[in-house]
N, C-alpha and C. Protein backbone atom coordinates (compact mmCIF):
# COMPACT_ATOMS: atom_id res chain seq x y z
N GLY A 1 -46.62 46.50 110.87
CA GLY A 1 -47.59 46.66 109.82
C GLY A 1 -49.00 46.66 110.37
N LYS A 2 -49.91 46.76 109.49
CA LYS A 2 -51.32 46.74 109.84
C LYS A 2 -51.75 45.30 110.13
N TRP A 3 -52.75 45.14 110.97
CA TRP A 3 -53.16 43.79 111.38
C TRP A 3 -53.74 43.00 110.22
N TRP A 4 -54.26 43.68 109.20
CA TRP A 4 -54.89 42.97 108.09
C TRP A 4 -53.93 42.61 106.97
N ASP A 5 -52.68 43.05 107.07
CA ASP A 5 -51.70 42.72 106.01
C ASP A 5 -51.53 41.22 105.84
N ARG A 6 -51.51 40.51 106.92
CA ARG A 6 -51.33 39.04 106.84
C ARG A 6 -52.50 38.39 106.11
N LEU A 7 -53.69 38.91 106.32
CA LEU A 7 -54.85 38.35 105.63
C LEU A 7 -54.80 38.65 104.14
N ARG A 8 -54.31 39.83 103.78
CA ARG A 8 -54.22 40.20 102.37
C ARG A 8 -53.15 39.37 101.66
N VAL A 9 -52.04 39.14 102.32
CA VAL A 9 -50.95 38.36 101.73
C VAL A 9 -51.39 36.92 101.46
N GLY A 10 -52.34 36.44 102.22
CA GLY A 10 -52.76 35.05 102.13
C GLY A 10 -53.62 34.70 100.94
N GLN A 11 -53.89 35.62 100.01
CA GLN A 11 -54.80 35.33 98.89
C GLN A 11 -54.34 34.14 98.06
N LEU A 12 -53.05 34.04 97.74
CA LEU A 12 -52.55 32.88 96.98
C LEU A 12 -52.69 31.60 97.80
N GLN A 13 -52.42 31.71 99.08
CA GLN A 13 -52.57 30.54 99.95
C GLN A 13 -54.03 30.09 100.01
N TYR A 14 -54.96 31.03 100.01
CA TYR A 14 -56.38 30.68 100.04
C TYR A 14 -56.75 29.87 98.80
N LYS A 15 -56.25 30.32 97.66
CA LYS A 15 -56.57 29.62 96.40
C LYS A 15 -55.96 28.23 96.38
N THR A 16 -54.73 28.11 96.85
CA THR A 16 -54.07 26.80 96.91
C THR A 16 -54.82 25.88 97.87
N ASN A 17 -55.17 26.40 99.03
CA ASN A 17 -55.92 25.59 100.00
C ASN A 17 -57.27 25.16 99.45
N HIS A 18 -57.92 26.06 98.73
CA HIS A 18 -59.22 25.73 98.15
C HIS A 18 -59.09 24.59 97.14
N PHE A 19 -58.05 24.62 96.34
CA PHE A 19 -57.81 23.55 95.38
C PHE A 19 -57.60 22.22 96.10
N VAL A 20 -56.78 22.23 97.13
CA VAL A 20 -56.49 21.00 97.88
C VAL A 20 -57.75 20.48 98.57
N ILE A 21 -58.50 21.37 99.20
CA ILE A 21 -59.73 20.96 99.88
C ILE A 21 -60.74 20.40 98.89
N SER A 22 -60.86 21.05 97.73
CA SER A 22 -61.78 20.56 96.70
C SER A 22 -61.39 19.17 96.21
N CYS A 23 -60.10 18.96 96.00
CA CYS A 23 -59.63 17.64 95.56
C CYS A 23 -59.90 16.57 96.62
N LEU A 24 -59.58 16.87 97.87
CA LEU A 24 -59.80 15.90 98.95
C LEU A 24 -61.28 15.61 99.15
N ALA A 25 -62.12 16.62 98.97
CA ALA A 25 -63.57 16.41 99.10
C ALA A 25 -64.10 15.58 97.93
N SER A 26 -63.54 15.78 96.75
CA SER A 26 -64.04 15.04 95.59
C SER A 26 -63.70 13.55 95.66
N ILE A 27 -62.61 13.20 96.34
CA ILE A 27 -62.27 11.77 96.46
C ILE A 27 -62.76 11.16 97.77
N GLY A 28 -63.45 11.97 98.59
CA GLY A 28 -64.10 11.43 99.78
C GLY A 28 -63.30 11.47 101.06
N ILE A 29 -62.13 12.08 101.04
CA ILE A 29 -61.33 12.16 102.28
C ILE A 29 -61.93 13.21 103.22
N LEU A 30 -62.41 14.30 102.65
CA LEU A 30 -63.09 15.34 103.43
C LEU A 30 -64.57 15.36 103.05
N PRO A 31 -65.41 15.79 103.97
CA PRO A 31 -66.82 15.94 103.60
C PRO A 31 -66.98 17.07 102.58
N LYS A 32 -67.93 16.93 101.68
CA LYS A 32 -68.13 17.94 100.63
C LYS A 32 -68.49 19.30 101.21
N SER A 33 -69.08 19.32 102.39
CA SER A 33 -69.44 20.60 103.02
C SER A 33 -68.21 21.41 103.41
N MET A 34 -67.05 20.77 103.49
CA MET A 34 -65.82 21.47 103.84
C MET A 34 -65.46 22.53 102.80
N VAL A 35 -65.81 22.29 101.55
CA VAL A 35 -65.55 23.27 100.49
C VAL A 35 -66.34 24.55 100.77
N ASP A 36 -67.60 24.40 101.16
CA ASP A 36 -68.42 25.57 101.49
C ASP A 36 -67.91 26.30 102.72
N VAL A 37 -67.44 25.56 103.70
CA VAL A 37 -66.88 26.18 104.91
C VAL A 37 -65.65 26.99 104.54
N HIS A 38 -64.81 26.44 103.69
CA HIS A 38 -63.60 27.16 103.28
C HIS A 38 -63.96 28.43 102.52
N LYS A 39 -64.95 28.36 101.63
CA LYS A 39 -65.39 29.56 100.90
C LYS A 39 -65.87 30.64 101.87
N MET A 40 -66.62 30.22 102.89
CA MET A 40 -67.12 31.17 103.88
C MET A 40 -65.97 31.83 104.64
N LEU A 41 -64.99 31.05 105.05
CA LEU A 41 -63.85 31.60 105.79
C LEU A 41 -63.04 32.57 104.94
N VAL A 42 -62.88 32.27 103.66
CA VAL A 42 -62.15 33.17 102.77
C VAL A 42 -62.92 34.48 102.61
N SER A 43 -64.24 34.39 102.47
CA SER A 43 -65.02 35.63 102.34
C SER A 43 -64.96 36.47 103.61
N VAL A 44 -64.89 35.82 104.76
CA VAL A 44 -64.73 36.55 106.02
C VAL A 44 -63.38 37.26 106.04
N ALA A 45 -62.33 36.59 105.59
CA ALA A 45 -61.00 37.21 105.55
C ALA A 45 -60.99 38.43 104.64
N VAL A 46 -61.64 38.31 103.48
CA VAL A 46 -61.71 39.44 102.55
C VAL A 46 -62.46 40.61 103.20
N SER A 47 -63.54 40.32 103.89
CA SER A 47 -64.32 41.36 104.56
C SER A 47 -63.52 42.01 105.70
N LEU A 48 -62.74 41.22 106.42
CA LEU A 48 -61.91 41.78 107.49
C LEU A 48 -60.87 42.73 106.93
N VAL A 49 -60.27 42.38 105.80
CA VAL A 49 -59.29 43.26 105.16
C VAL A 49 -59.96 44.57 104.75
N GLU A 50 -61.12 44.49 104.12
CA GLU A 50 -61.85 45.70 103.72
C GLU A 50 -62.17 46.57 104.93
N GLY A 51 -62.65 45.96 105.98
CA GLY A 51 -62.98 46.71 107.19
C GLY A 51 -61.77 47.36 107.82
N GLY A 52 -60.65 46.66 107.81
CA GLY A 52 -59.41 47.23 108.35
C GLY A 52 -58.90 48.38 107.52
N GLU A 53 -58.96 48.25 106.20
CA GLU A 53 -58.49 49.31 105.31
C GLU A 53 -59.35 50.57 105.44
N ARG A 54 -60.63 50.39 105.65
CA ARG A 54 -61.54 51.53 105.77
C ARG A 54 -61.56 52.12 107.19
N GLY A 55 -60.95 51.39 108.12
CA GLY A 55 -60.91 51.87 109.50
C GLY A 55 -62.21 51.70 110.25
N ILE A 56 -63.05 50.78 109.80
CA ILE A 56 -64.34 50.58 110.46
C ILE A 56 -64.37 49.33 111.33
N PHE A 57 -63.25 48.63 111.36
CA PHE A 57 -63.20 47.40 112.15
C PHE A 57 -61.80 47.23 112.69
N SER A 58 -61.69 46.79 113.91
CA SER A 58 -60.39 46.42 114.47
C SER A 58 -60.60 45.18 115.34
N PRO A 59 -59.58 44.33 115.42
CA PRO A 59 -59.73 43.12 116.21
C PRO A 59 -59.80 43.44 117.70
N MET A 60 -60.40 42.54 118.43
CA MET A 60 -60.55 42.72 119.87
C MET A 60 -59.91 41.52 120.56
N TYR A 61 -59.27 41.77 121.65
CA TYR A 61 -58.68 40.70 122.44
C TYR A 61 -59.46 40.57 123.74
N MET A 62 -59.68 39.35 124.16
CA MET A 62 -60.39 39.11 125.41
C MET A 62 -59.45 38.31 126.32
N VAL A 63 -59.25 38.82 127.49
CA VAL A 63 -58.39 38.15 128.47
C VAL A 63 -59.28 37.69 129.62
N VAL A 64 -59.24 36.42 129.91
CA VAL A 64 -60.01 35.89 131.02
C VAL A 64 -59.03 35.50 132.11
N MET A 65 -59.25 36.02 133.30
CA MET A 65 -58.35 35.75 134.41
C MET A 65 -59.15 35.11 135.54
N GLN A 66 -58.45 34.32 136.33
CA GLN A 66 -59.09 33.68 137.46
C GLN A 66 -58.25 33.95 138.69
N LYS A 67 -58.94 34.33 139.75
CA LYS A 67 -58.24 34.60 141.00
C LYS A 67 -57.72 33.27 141.56
N PRO A 68 -56.46 33.25 141.95
CA PRO A 68 -55.92 31.99 142.52
C PRO A 68 -56.63 31.61 143.81
N LYS A 69 -56.79 30.32 144.01
CA LYS A 69 -57.44 29.85 145.24
C LYS A 69 -56.47 30.03 146.41
N ALA A 70 -57.00 30.53 147.50
CA ALA A 70 -56.16 30.81 148.67
C ALA A 70 -55.86 29.58 149.45
């Protein structure tokens, strides 16, 4: 499948996670700023899906290698 399919399928999971994070932040287990961080990450996922569907974005892999010591 397409690389963004997994991000699109996760919409229900995002909403469930947001509910859990909001509850934990409201009772003080998580910092309240965590709710904003989660909102930002969800918006990034939505943007990645849009970019993938339009063909204007693709993920990049970076491989770092080190020469073995002789």
